[in-house]
Protein backbone atom coordinates (compact mmCIF):
# COMPACT_ATOMS: atom_id res chain seq x y z
CA MET A 1 -67.70 -5.88 3.44
CA ILE A 2 -64.20 -4.72 3.64
CA ASN A 3 -61.78 -5.81 0.72
CA TYR A 4 -58.72 -6.80 2.87
CA GLN A 5 -56.61 -8.00 -0.37
CA ILE A 6 -57.02 -4.03 -1.91
CA ILE A 7 -56.04 -2.35 1.92
CA ILE A 8 -53.05 -4.92 2.26
CA ASP A 9 -51.65 -4.20 -1.29
CA ASP A 10 -51.83 -0.71 -0.63
CA ILE A 11 -50.09 -0.48 2.40
CA ALA A 12 -47.48 -2.76 0.85
CA ILE A 13 -46.86 -0.09 -1.84
CA ASP A 14 -46.75 2.71 0.66
CA ALA A 15 -43.86 0.72 2.35
CA LYS A 16 -41.85 -0.33 -0.28
CA ARG A 17 -41.80 3.50 -1.57
CA THR A 18 -41.17 4.81 2.46
CA LYS A 19 -37.48 6.34 1.72
CA ASP A 20 -36.90 6.09 5.78
CA LYS A 21 -37.08 2.52 6.30
CA GLY A 22 -35.11 2.22 9.71
CA VAL A 23 -31.97 0.28 10.64
CA VAL A 24 -31.46 -3.40 10.66
CA ALA A 25 -30.49 -4.24 14.07
CA SER A 26 -26.82 -5.41 14.50
CA TYR A 27 -25.51 -6.77 17.94
CA ILE A 28 -27.01 -10.02 16.57
CA PRO A 29 -24.69 -10.65 14.00
CA GLU A 30 -26.46 -13.17 11.95
CA LEU A 31 -29.84 -10.11 12.12
CA ALA A 32 -27.08 -7.27 10.89
CA LYS A 33 -26.73 -9.63 7.58
CA ILE A 34 -30.63 -8.66 6.72
CA ASN A 35 -31.83 -6.60 3.72
CA SER A 36 -33.49 -3.74 4.85
CA THR A 37 -35.94 -2.96 2.23
CA LYS A 38 -37.89 -6.43 2.69
CA PHE A 39 -41.62 -5.88 3.93
CA GLY A 40 -44.12 -8.49 3.91
CA ILE A 41 -47.47 -8.73 5.30
CA HIS A 42 -50.12 -11.21 5.71
CA LEU A 43 -53.61 -11.32 7.28
CA ILE A 44 -56.01 -14.33 7.92
CA ASP A 45 -59.63 -12.80 8.73
CA ALA A 46 -61.89 -15.06 11.20
CA ASN A 47 -63.27 -16.79 8.26
CA LYS A 48 -59.86 -18.06 7.84
CA ASN A 49 -59.33 -16.93 4.57
CA GLY A 50 -55.82 -15.24 4.15
CA TYR A 51 -54.40 -11.97 2.15
CA SER A 52 -50.89 -11.43 1.23
CA ALA A 53 -48.39 -8.75 -0.23
CA ALA A 54 -44.83 -8.51 -0.54
CA ASP A 55 -42.06 -10.61 1.06
CA ALA A 56 -45.30 -12.62 2.78
CA PHE A 57 -43.00 -15.75 2.63
CA GLU A 58 -39.90 -14.89 3.18
CA LYS A 59 -38.80 -16.70 6.41
CA PHE A 60 -37.00 -14.14 8.98
CA SER A 61 -36.01 -14.78 12.43
CA ILE A 62 -39.55 -13.95 14.80
CA GLN A 63 -37.13 -13.06 18.00
CA SER A 64 -39.02 -12.04 20.62
CA ILE A 65 -42.55 -12.78 18.87
CA SER A 66 -41.73 -15.77 20.24
CA LYS A 67 -42.28 -14.83 24.01
CA VAL A 68 -46.09 -14.68 23.49
CA LEU A 69 -46.19 -18.33 21.89
CA SER A 70 -43.80 -19.57 24.72
CA LEU A 71 -45.92 -18.34 27.30
CA ALA A 72 -49.10 -19.57 25.44
CA LEU A 73 -47.60 -22.93 26.11
CA CYS A 74 -46.43 -22.59 29.40
CA PHE A 75 -49.98 -20.77 30.51
CA SER A 76 -51.52 -24.22 29.22
CA ILE A 77 -49.51 -26.22 31.17
CA VAL A 78 -48.99 -24.25 34.67
CA ASP A 79 -52.25 -21.89 34.17
CA ASN A 80 -52.32 -19.30 36.96
CA ASP A 81 -49.19 -20.43 39.02
CA ILE A 82 -47.05 -18.70 36.37
CA TRP A 83 -48.00 -15.39 38.21
CA LYS A 84 -46.28 -16.62 40.96
CA ARG A 85 -42.89 -16.15 39.35
CA ILE A 86 -44.05 -13.22 37.14
CA ASN A 87 -45.89 -10.11 37.61
CA VAL A 88 -48.09 -8.49 34.81
CA GLU A 89 -47.27 -4.70 34.54
CA PRO A 90 -45.74 -2.79 31.79
CA SER A 91 -42.08 -2.01 32.73
CA GLY A 92 -41.33 1.00 30.89
CA ASN A 93 -38.10 -0.10 30.13
CA PRO A 94 -35.87 -1.23 27.29
CA PHE A 95 -36.39 -4.91 27.05
CA ASN A 96 -33.38 -6.33 28.26
CA HIS A 97 -33.34 -3.40 30.96
CA LEU A 98 -31.90 -4.89 34.72
CA SER A 99 -32.54 -2.47 37.29
CA LEU A 100 -36.24 -3.00 37.75
CA LEU A 101 -35.07 -6.88 38.28
CA GLU A 102 -33.02 -6.23 40.97
CA PHE A 103 -34.94 -3.10 42.76
CA GLU A 104 -38.17 -6.04 42.93
CA LYS A 105 -36.09 -9.33 43.93
CA GLY A 106 -35.72 -11.47 41.45
CA ILE A 107 -39.21 -10.76 40.00
CA PRO A 108 -39.82 -9.83 36.18
CA ARG A 109 -42.30 -7.10 35.32
CA ASN A 110 -43.83 -9.06 32.56
CA PRO A 111 -43.19 -12.36 30.45
CA PHE A 112 -42.14 -10.14 27.71
CA ASN A 113 -38.99 -8.72 28.83
CA ASN A 114 -36.15 -10.70 28.51
CA ASP A 115 -36.07 -11.73 32.37
CA GLY A 116 -39.75 -12.76 32.27
CA ALA A 117 -39.02 -15.06 29.41
CA ILE A 118 -35.91 -16.21 30.64
CA VAL A 119 -38.30 -17.91 33.59
CA VAL A 120 -40.78 -18.88 31.13
CA ALA A 121 -37.88 -20.76 29.76
CA ASP A 122 -37.34 -22.54 33.00
CA ILE A 123 -40.88 -23.42 33.71
CA LEU A 124 -40.67 -24.90 30.20
CA ILE A 125 -38.09 -27.40 31.26
CA SER A 126 -38.99 -28.13 34.59
CA LYS A 127 -42.49 -29.39 32.56
CA LEU A 128 -41.46 -30.81 29.41
CA LYS A 129 -39.21 -33.77 28.58
CA ASN A 130 -37.60 -32.29 25.85
CA PRO A 131 -38.31 -28.51 25.98
CA LYS A 132 -36.90 -27.60 22.06
CA THR A 133 -38.30 -30.84 20.58
CA ASP A 134 -41.57 -30.22 22.59
CA PHE A 135 -41.86 -26.33 21.85
CA LEU A 136 -41.22 -26.74 18.33
CA VAL A 137 -43.87 -29.68 17.88
CA PHE A 138 -46.48 -27.35 19.98
CA LEU A 139 -45.95 -24.66 17.36
CA GLN A 140 -45.54 -26.93 14.29
CA LYS A 141 -49.48 -28.02 15.22
CA LEU A 142 -50.31 -24.72 15.71
CA CYS A 143 -49.71 -23.48 12.24
CA ASN A 144 -49.79 -27.39 10.37
CA ASP A 145 -46.74 -27.25 9.41
CA THR A 146 -43.99 -29.22 9.91
CA THR A 147 -41.21 -27.04 7.66
CA ILE A 148 -40.97 -24.58 10.99
CA ASN A 149 -37.38 -25.10 12.63
CA TYR A 150 -34.71 -22.97 14.81
CA ASN A 151 -32.01 -21.61 12.76
CA LYS A 152 -29.26 -22.67 14.53
CA LYS A 153 -26.70 -19.90 13.41
CA VAL A 154 -29.23 -17.41 14.71
CA ALA A 155 -29.23 -18.90 18.20
CA GLU A 156 -25.72 -19.46 17.99
CA SER A 157 -25.26 -15.95 17.49
CA GLU A 158 -27.61 -14.97 20.22
CA ARG A 159 -25.72 -17.20 22.68
CA VAL A 160 -21.88 -15.39 22.12
CA THR A 161 -23.44 -11.73 22.03
CA GLY A 162 -25.73 -12.58 24.85
CA PHE A 163 -24.07 -10.88 28.22
CA LYS A 164 -27.26 -8.92 29.03
CA ASN A 165 -28.92 -12.58 28.99
CA PHE A 166 -26.62 -14.38 31.19
CA ALA A 167 -26.21 -11.25 33.58
CA ALA A 168 -30.37 -11.26 33.99
CA ALA A 169 -30.25 -15.36 34.29
CA ASN A 170 -27.50 -15.13 36.54
CA LEU A 171 -29.84 -12.57 39.08
CA LEU A 172 -32.88 -14.37 38.58
CA LYS A 173 -31.19 -17.83 39.85
CA SER A 174 -29.35 -15.25 42.77
CA PHE A 175 -33.24 -14.83 43.97
CA GLY A 176 -34.45 -17.99 43.60
CA ASN A 177 -36.45 -17.41 40.83
CA LEU A 178 -34.83 -19.68 38.31
CA HIS A 179 -34.47 -23.66 38.94
CA ASN A 180 -32.79 -24.84 36.29
CA ASP A 181 -29.14 -24.13 35.31
CA VAL A 182 -28.49 -20.48 33.79
CA GLU A 183 -26.67 -22.06 30.69
CA VAL A 184 -29.77 -24.44 30.04
CA VAL A 185 -32.15 -22.03 30.55
CA LEU A 186 -30.22 -19.76 28.17
CA ASP A 187 -29.98 -22.36 25.92
CA LEU A 188 -33.63 -22.72 25.11
CA TYR A 189 -34.16 -19.26 25.56
CA PHE A 190 -31.75 -18.77 22.87
CA HIS A 191 -33.42 -21.09 20.18
CA LEU A 192 -36.75 -20.01 20.88
CA CYS A 193 -35.55 -16.33 19.99
CA ALA A 194 -34.20 -18.00 16.75
CA ILE A 195 -37.16 -19.59 15.52
CA GLU A 196 -37.79 -18.83 11.60
CA MET A 197 -41.10 -18.23 9.72
CA ASN A 198 -42.48 -16.09 7.47
CA CYS A 199 -45.82 -14.01 7.42
CA GLU A 200 -48.54 -16.32 6.43
CA GLN A 201 -46.74 -19.20 9.09
CA LEU A 202 -46.95 -16.78 12.24
CA ALA A 203 -50.22 -15.28 11.45
CA LYS A 204 -51.45 -19.12 11.68
CA ALA A 205 -49.70 -19.87 14.85
CA PHE A 206 -51.72 -16.53 16.24
CA PHE A 207 -54.64 -17.32 14.82
CA ILE A 208 -55.41 -19.25 18.85
CA PHE A 209 -55.34 -14.92 20.49
CA MET A 210 -57.67 -14.02 17.70
CA ASN A 211 -59.97 -17.29 17.89
CA HIS A 212 -60.59 -17.77 21.49
CA GLY A 213 -57.71 -20.11 22.06
CA LYS A 214 -59.06 -22.39 18.92
CA CYS A 215 -56.29 -22.96 15.86
CA LEU A 216 -57.04 -22.91 12.58
CA GLN A 217 -57.49 -26.73 12.92
CA GLY A 218 -60.66 -26.31 15.45
CA GLU A 219 -58.14 -27.24 18.26
CA THR A 220 -58.30 -26.11 21.43
CA TYR A 221 -55.19 -25.02 23.08
CA LEU A 222 -56.08 -22.11 25.76
CA ASN A 223 -59.06 -21.15 27.34
CA ILE A 224 -61.41 -17.46 27.16
CA ASN A 225 -59.82 -16.29 30.16
CA GLN A 226 -56.01 -17.18 29.21
CA ILE A 227 -56.02 -15.41 25.98
CA LYS A 228 -57.97 -12.37 27.83
CA ARG A 229 -54.78 -12.25 29.71
CA ILE A 230 -52.21 -12.95 26.76
CA ASN A 231 -53.91 -10.31 24.94
CA ALA A 232 -53.94 -7.86 27.50
CA LEU A 233 -50.60 -8.42 27.90
CA MET A 234 -49.51 -7.87 24.56
CA LEU A 235 -51.62 -4.67 24.39
CA THR A 236 -49.81 -3.28 27.90
CA CYS A 237 -46.38 -4.71 27.38
CA GLY A 238 -45.97 -6.45 23.69
CA PHE A 239 -43.70 -3.57 22.58
CA TYR A 240 -41.43 -2.49 25.66
CA ASP A 241 -41.64 1.25 26.19
CA GLU A 242 -43.20 1.79 23.01
CA ALA A 243 -46.42 -0.16 23.83
CA GLY A 244 -48.41 3.12 24.67
CA GLU A 245 -47.52 4.42 21.02
CA PHE A 246 -48.79 1.41 20.08
CA ALA A 247 -51.53 1.14 21.88
CA PHE A 248 -52.54 5.21 20.62
CA GLU A 249 -51.55 4.94 17.11
CA VAL A 250 -52.52 1.45 16.24
CA GLY A 251 -55.08 0.22 18.72
CA LEU A 252 -54.31 -3.94 18.70
CA PRO A 253 -52.86 -6.18 20.79
CA GLY A 254 -49.43 -7.17 19.51
CA LYS A 255 -46.01 -8.07 19.95
CA SER A 256 -42.53 -6.83 18.22
CA GLY A 257 -39.43 -8.77 17.65
CA VAL A 258 -35.96 -7.22 16.63
CA GLY A 259 -35.86 -9.39 13.81
CA GLY A 260 -38.43 -7.12 12.42
CA GLY A 261 -41.71 -9.00 12.80
CA ILE A 262 -44.89 -7.60 14.13
CA ALA A 263 -47.98 -9.69 15.23
CA ALA A 264 -51.36 -8.56 16.61
CA VAL A 265 -54.86 -9.59 16.00
CA LEU A 266 -58.32 -7.79 16.07
CA PRO A 267 -59.98 -10.65 18.48
CA ASN A 268 -62.86 -12.20 16.41
CA LYS A 269 -61.70 -10.56 13.32
CA TYR A 270 -58.28 -11.09 12.12
CA THR A 271 -54.61 -11.77 12.64
CA VAL A 272 -51.95 -10.09 10.86
CA VAL A 273 -48.47 -10.58 10.78
CA THR A 274 -45.89 -7.13 9.24
CA TRP A 275 -41.99 -7.82 8.53
CA ALA A 276 -40.03 -5.31 7.96
CA PRO A 277 -36.06 -5.75 9.23
CA GLY A 278 -35.52 -1.90 9.80
CA LEU A 279 -36.28 -0.56 13.62
CA ASN A 280 -36.78 2.59 14.84
CA GLN A 281 -34.73 3.78 17.95
CA LYS A 282 -37.25 1.93 20.31
CA GLY A 283 -36.40 -1.30 18.52
CA ASN A 284 -39.33 -1.67 16.82
CA SER A 285 -39.97 -2.44 13.27
CA LYS A 286 -40.35 0.94 11.92
CA LEU A 287 -42.82 -0.12 8.80
CA GLY A 288 -44.79 -2.74 10.61
CA MET A 289 -45.62 0.37 13.14
CA LEU A 290 -46.50 2.47 10.17
CA ALA A 291 -48.53 -0.50 8.20
CA LEU A 292 -50.27 -1.36 11.20
CA GLU A 293 -51.25 1.99 11.85
CA GLN A 294 -52.70 2.17 8.38
CA LEU A 295 -54.82 -1.31 8.56
CA THR A 296 -56.73 0.13 11.47
CA THR A 297 -57.05 3.56 10.05
CA LYS A 298 -57.72 2.16 6.41
CA THR A 299 -60.19 -0.64 7.83
CA GLU A 300 -61.61 1.61 10.44
CA GLN A 301 -61.22 -1.40 12.99
CA SER A 302 -59.56 -1.96 16.42
CA ILE A 303 -60.59 -2.55 19.89
CA PHE A 304 -61.17 1.02 21.01
């Protein structure tokens, strides 16, 4: 039987000792203030046992990790109709790249690029009465935790620096793939990126992707086919132009965010979240990538 706590503790010690911790994202002013020495990790196994180390209970901006959660809610509402407006292929480009969007006539490559997540936000606005509130309630129910909320300062920081996102949204609009007002859609999108959670909370939210669509409370949110597709997208597209590297080195479906978080799952075994705000050149958490590589190596567990 694997002792996850010992492994998690060892990983945290190694992470704290590592000298090169990456560079904190500076293009979003609020994120630039975060201490680059932070590191947290939390794992929940299939028996609902939790294992934590270091800064696992300090909240951070989940940023693009929210794209998996907004996709999950959208998928649960419109099912396969979502794929009429978004493709499921890796882009091989940075998360905010625009050239493919124009070349492919306003259909985003996948829901985890910024343009794809903006289309997801557009669908949620069309389908929900109060999108920001409704999404937050969805997330709070997943975690059984009403303390989860948006960070308004981060959302505003995203808005005032989000020139490429405005460009992507207007490009989508020009091709007819954005049905609501650009500013309304981006307001939701920026708020989704500005959700604050800690490693434990985020691991709880991702439990459904490990557990066939059922949350920790036993409620079913997605069917097994939907979960299979989201996990496949996390494996192939969850780390942008470093998705292949993550699959090669770590071997788990997962999703990163420029706030330094990484959420990953091993179906039927565990869900795990790391947080280390220093990023590598591809925009993924440097220590988080190393930590998860150690986890699958030390446990000898991955999807491969």
